[in-house]
């Protein structure tokens, strides 16, 4: 069903919801995830990805998914006691700053009897390598890369995948951007001049950023223009505004 151009009126809480929210030390979780499970779309796409790479037959293990703040606190404190604070700060986000609390992040590992729940083995070979190569097609990115540690403040985690959705995962992978960089990248595009990404099926994704209306106050409303298209989605970025994604037929010359 085609979505006609229109506007949305989004309250402040919407700024902190959606697959593109940035969660890190500077931008903590503001809205608790619904329920105590993975986000429904994240779970569905994870299952599809596992099926696509043959990992659903027990060779890849879901080590960790959604965590409450209390569980994140327990993991952080236990790791600090067992491994020291320096190690823990590299691999475990502080409570309130963990993507796991959003229901949009998963830790996966190669199935084995002695799985390390902090740093599970996830090699770049076999079914794990197939998972990694196909992840972007299902909306997932490896969140913490070795060369992005100065930005993310988290060490390389080959096992930690974040759901950001399509086509964002493919764009991030093609441009070599972590989520902090991608958030800043999208902020440079407005509805009047969106970033256009060509999909493999020939359609175009029109992406743009709408700043939250600071004049509206803590509980105020931002008017978000929606260009229209076959499908349109809006996500807060947990920083300063909203990202609109509209899929449209390719424009003809």
Protein backbone atom coordinates (compact mmCIF):
# COMPACT_ATOMS: atom_id res chain seq x y z
CA UNK A 1 0.00 0.00 0.00
CA UNK A 2 1.42 3.32 -1.03
CA UNK A 3 1.94 5.94 1.67
CA UNK A 4 0.89 9.43 0.59
CA UNK A 5 2.95 12.46 1.67
CA UNK A 6 1.83 13.69 5.07
CA UNK A 7 3.16 14.90 8.40
CA UNK A 8 3.48 13.19 11.78
CA UNK A 9 3.33 14.87 15.16
CA UNK A 10 5.81 13.07 17.41
CA UNK A 11 6.18 13.60 21.15
CA UNK A 12 9.53 13.74 22.89
CA UNK A 13 9.39 10.06 23.88
CA UNK A 14 9.51 9.03 20.20
CA UNK A 15 13.00 10.54 20.03
CA UNK A 16 14.20 7.63 22.15
CA UNK A 17 12.48 4.78 20.27
CA UNK A 18 13.16 2.95 17.01
CA UNK A 19 15.82 0.78 15.36
CA UNK A 20 18.21 3.70 14.80
CA UNK A 21 18.55 4.90 18.38
CA UNK A 22 22.17 5.51 19.36
CA UNK A 23 23.04 4.16 22.79
CA UNK A 24 26.46 4.78 24.31
CA UNK A 25 28.11 6.60 27.22
CA UNK A 26 26.95 10.00 25.99
CA UNK A 27 23.46 8.85 25.04
CA UNK A 28 22.02 6.40 27.57
CA UNK A 29 18.79 4.44 27.28
CA UNK A 30 15.91 6.82 27.88
CA UNK A 31 12.89 4.57 27.30
CA UNK A 32 12.76 1.02 28.59
CA UNK A 33 12.16 -1.68 25.97
CA UNK A 34 8.66 -3.12 25.86
CA UNK A 35 8.46 -6.49 27.62
CA UNK A 36 11.48 -8.60 28.52
CA UNK A 37 12.40 -9.99 25.12
CA UNK A 38 14.10 -8.92 21.93
CA UNK A 39 12.31 -6.38 19.76
CA UNK A 40 9.85 -8.38 17.63
CA UNK A 41 11.31 -7.26 14.28
CA UNK A 42 14.86 -7.85 15.50
CA UNK A 43 13.92 -11.38 16.59
CA UNK A 44 12.15 -12.12 13.30
CA UNK A 45 15.09 -10.92 11.23
CA UNK A 46 17.57 -12.79 13.41
CA UNK A 47 15.65 -16.02 12.86
CA UNK A 48 15.58 -15.37 9.10
CA UNK A 49 19.33 -14.68 9.09
CA UNK A 50 20.07 -17.88 11.00
CA UNK A 51 17.93 -19.84 8.55
CA UNK A 52 19.71 -18.23 5.60
CA UNK A 53 23.17 -19.25 6.80
CA UNK A 54 22.23 -22.64 8.22
CA UNK A 55 22.85 -21.49 11.78
CA UNK A 56 19.43 -22.43 13.08
CA UNK A 57 20.48 -26.07 13.45
CA UNK A 58 22.44 -25.43 16.64
CA UNK A 59 25.83 -24.33 15.30
CA UNK A 60 25.28 -20.71 16.36
CA UNK A 61 24.09 -19.88 19.85
CA UNK A 62 22.22 -16.78 20.98
CA UNK A 63 24.39 -15.98 23.98
CA UNK A 64 22.63 -12.81 25.08
CA UNK A 65 19.69 -10.74 23.85
CA UNK A 66 17.50 -8.37 25.84
CA UNK A 67 18.76 -7.41 29.30
CA UNK A 68 17.04 -5.39 31.98
CA UNK A 69 19.00 -2.68 33.77
CA UNK A 70 19.20 -5.00 36.77
CA UNK A 71 20.71 -7.81 34.70
CA UNK A 72 23.19 -5.42 33.07
CA UNK A 73 24.21 -4.23 36.54
CA UNK A 74 24.76 -7.81 37.68
CA UNK A 75 26.86 -8.66 34.62
CA UNK A 76 28.93 -5.49 34.98
CA UNK A 77 29.57 -6.00 38.69
CA UNK A 78 30.36 -9.72 38.29
CA UNK A 79 32.81 -9.03 35.44
CA UNK A 80 34.50 -6.27 37.43
CA UNK A 81 34.92 -8.60 40.41
CA UNK A 82 36.23 -11.51 38.33
CA UNK A 83 38.25 -9.76 35.63
CA UNK A 84 38.91 -6.27 36.94
CA UNK A 85 37.52 -2.88 36.02
CA UNK A 86 39.89 -2.24 33.09
CA UNK A 87 38.76 -5.43 31.30
CA UNK A 88 35.11 -4.81 32.09
CA UNK A 89 35.13 -1.27 30.75
CA UNK A 90 36.39 -2.60 27.40
CA UNK A 91 33.69 -5.23 26.91
CA UNK A 92 30.71 -4.49 29.15
CA UNK A 93 28.69 -1.29 28.91
CA UNK A 94 27.69 0.38 32.14
CA UNK A 95 24.07 -0.07 33.25
CA UNK A 96 21.88 2.35 31.35
CA UNK A 97 24.37 2.55 28.49
CA UNK A 98 23.95 -0.95 27.05
CA UNK A 99 22.32 -1.67 23.70
CA UNK A 100 21.04 -4.91 25.18
CA UNK A 101 18.57 -2.87 27.23
CA UNK A 102 16.90 -1.73 23.99
CA UNK A 103 16.06 -5.24 22.76
CA UNK A 104 17.88 -4.42 19.51
CA UNK A 105 21.24 -6.12 20.18
CA UNK A 106 22.37 -9.74 20.30
CA UNK A 107 25.55 -11.52 21.27
CA UNK A 108 26.02 -14.68 19.22
CA UNK A 109 28.61 -17.39 19.56
CA UNK A 110 29.78 -20.62 18.03
CA UNK A 111 27.98 -23.45 19.82
CA UNK A 112 30.38 -25.24 22.15
CA UNK A 113 30.28 -26.62 25.72
CA UNK A 114 32.44 -23.85 27.21
CA UNK A 115 30.81 -20.65 25.87
CA UNK A 116 32.32 -17.47 27.31
CA UNK A 117 29.30 -15.27 28.05
CA UNK A 118 31.37 -12.06 28.00
CA UNK A 119 33.49 -12.79 24.92
CA UNK A 120 31.98 -15.75 23.01
CA UNK A 121 33.95 -17.18 20.10
CA UNK A 122 32.50 -16.10 16.76
CA UNK A 123 35.09 -16.81 14.04
CA UNK A 124 35.02 -15.43 10.52
CA UNK A 125 34.79 -18.94 9.05
CA UNK A 126 32.15 -21.60 8.54
CA UNK A 127 28.58 -20.85 9.53
CA UNK A 128 29.72 -17.90 11.67
CA UNK A 129 31.40 -16.36 8.64
CA UNK A 130 28.22 -16.93 6.62
CA UNK A 131 26.23 -15.15 9.34
CA UNK A 132 28.61 -12.19 9.25
CA UNK A 133 28.57 -11.92 5.44
CA UNK A 134 24.76 -11.95 5.24
CA UNK A 135 24.00 -9.90 8.36
CA UNK A 136 23.53 -6.55 6.59
CA UNK A 137 20.92 -8.00 4.23
CA UNK A 138 18.79 -8.74 7.29
CA UNK A 139 19.40 -5.39 8.96
CA UNK A 140 22.28 -6.26 11.32
CA UNK A 141 25.73 -4.72 11.72
CA UNK A 142 28.71 -5.70 13.85
CA UNK A 143 28.37 -2.83 16.27
CA UNK A 144 31.90 -2.66 17.67
CA UNK A 145 34.76 -2.79 15.16
CA UNK A 146 38.45 -2.63 16.08
CA UNK A 147 39.12 0.59 14.16
CA UNK A 148 36.09 2.31 15.70
CA UNK A 149 37.06 1.84 19.37
CA UNK A 150 38.19 5.49 19.75
CA UNK A 151 34.63 6.47 18.76
CA UNK A 152 32.53 3.77 20.43
CA UNK A 153 34.73 3.42 23.54
CA UNK A 154 34.14 -0.34 23.35
CA UNK A 155 36.75 -2.88 22.23
CA UNK A 156 36.24 -4.99 19.12
CA UNK A 157 33.36 -7.43 19.66
CA UNK A 158 32.97 -9.80 16.68
CA UNK A 159 30.04 -11.42 18.47
CA UNK A 160 27.88 -8.33 19.11
CA UNK A 161 25.37 -7.49 16.38
CA UNK A 162 22.95 -4.60 16.41
CA UNK A 163 19.70 -4.47 14.46
CA UNK A 164 19.33 -1.14 12.62
CA UNK A 165 17.13 -2.36 9.78
CA UNK A 166 17.30 -2.11 6.01
CA UNK A 167 18.67 -0.33 4.11
CA UNK A 168 20.69 1.23 6.94
CA UNK A 169 22.84 -1.82 7.68
CA UNK A 170 23.92 -2.08 4.04
CA UNK A 171 24.77 1.63 3.86
CA UNK A 172 26.77 1.49 7.09
CA UNK A 173 28.69 -1.53 5.85
CA UNK A 174 29.38 -0.05 2.40
CA UNK A 175 30.60 3.25 3.87
CA UNK A 176 32.44 1.70 6.80
CA UNK A 177 30.48 3.69 9.37
CA UNK A 178 29.75 2.81 12.98
CA UNK A 179 26.41 3.94 14.41
CA UNK A 180 27.87 7.11 15.90
CA UNK A 181 29.22 8.09 12.48
CA UNK A 182 26.06 7.06 10.67
CA UNK A 183 23.90 9.15 13.00
CA UNK A 184 26.05 12.19 12.20
CA UNK A 185 26.03 11.33 8.49
CA UNK A 186 22.22 11.25 8.28
CA UNK A 187 21.98 14.52 10.17
CA UNK A 188 23.39 16.20 7.06
CA UNK A 189 20.30 15.36 4.97
CA UNK A 190 16.92 17.10 5.17
CA UNK A 191 13.54 16.27 3.62
CA UNK A 192 14.18 18.83 0.88
CA UNK A 193 17.43 17.09 -0.11
CA UNK A 194 17.40 13.47 1.16
CA UNK A 195 20.16 10.91 0.86
CA UNK A 196 19.15 8.49 -1.91
CA UNK A 197 20.30 4.88 -1.79
CA UNK A 198 19.59 2.50 -4.67
CA UNK A 199 18.28 -0.87 -3.54
CA UNK A 200 19.15 -4.12 -5.28
CA UNK A 201 15.55 -4.49 -6.49
CA UNK A 202 15.75 -1.15 -8.33
CA UNK A 203 13.81 0.94 -5.82
CA UNK A 204 15.22 3.98 -4.06
CA UNK A 205 15.45 4.60 -0.34
CA UNK A 206 15.11 8.28 0.53
CA UNK A 207 16.61 9.01 3.95
CA UNK A 208 16.62 12.25 5.89
CA UNK A 209 16.87 13.72 9.38
CA UNK A 210 14.34 15.94 11.11
CA UNK A 211 15.66 17.79 14.18
CA UNK A 212 13.58 17.60 17.33
CA UNK A 213 11.84 20.92 17.95
CA UNK A 214 13.70 22.26 20.97
CA UNK A 215 11.16 25.08 21.31
CA UNK A 216 8.49 22.56 22.15
CA UNK A 217 9.93 21.76 25.58
CA UNK A 218 10.56 18.44 27.30
CA UNK A 219 7.15 16.96 26.40
CA UNK A 220 6.59 18.91 23.21
CA UNK A 221 5.80 17.83 19.70
CA UNK A 222 7.92 17.83 16.54
CA UNK A 223 6.19 17.94 13.16
CA UNK A 224 7.89 15.40 10.89
CA UNK A 225 7.27 15.57 7.12
CA UNK A 226 6.90 12.20 5.41
CA UNK A 227 7.65 12.24 1.68
CA UNK A 228 5.52 9.23 0.86
CA UNK A 229 6.34 6.10 -1.11
CA UNK A 230 5.69 2.38 -0.97
CA UNK A 231 6.64 2.25 2.70
CA UNK A 232 7.81 4.92 5.13
CA UNK A 233 9.30 4.43 8.59
CA UNK A 234 10.38 6.91 11.25
CA UNK A 235 12.88 6.22 14.03
CA UNK A 236 14.20 8.43 16.76
CA UNK A 237 17.99 8.60 17.01
CA UNK A 238 18.19 9.14 20.81
CA UNK A 239 20.34 12.21 20.16
CA UNK A 240 18.65 15.15 18.49
CA UNK A 241 15.94 14.10 16.08
CA UNK A 242 14.24 11.58 13.84
CA UNK A 243 15.29 9.58 10.77
CA UNK A 244 12.71 9.07 8.02
CA UNK A 245 13.12 6.18 5.57
CA UNK A 246 10.87 6.14 2.49
CA UNK A 247 11.10 3.43 -0.17
CA UNK A 248 10.05 4.67 -3.60
CA UNK A 249 10.09 3.60 -7.21
CA UNK A 250 13.24 4.72 -8.98
CA UNK A 251 12.93 8.03 -10.74
CA UNK A 252 13.14 7.79 -14.52
CA UNK A 253 15.42 10.09 -16.49
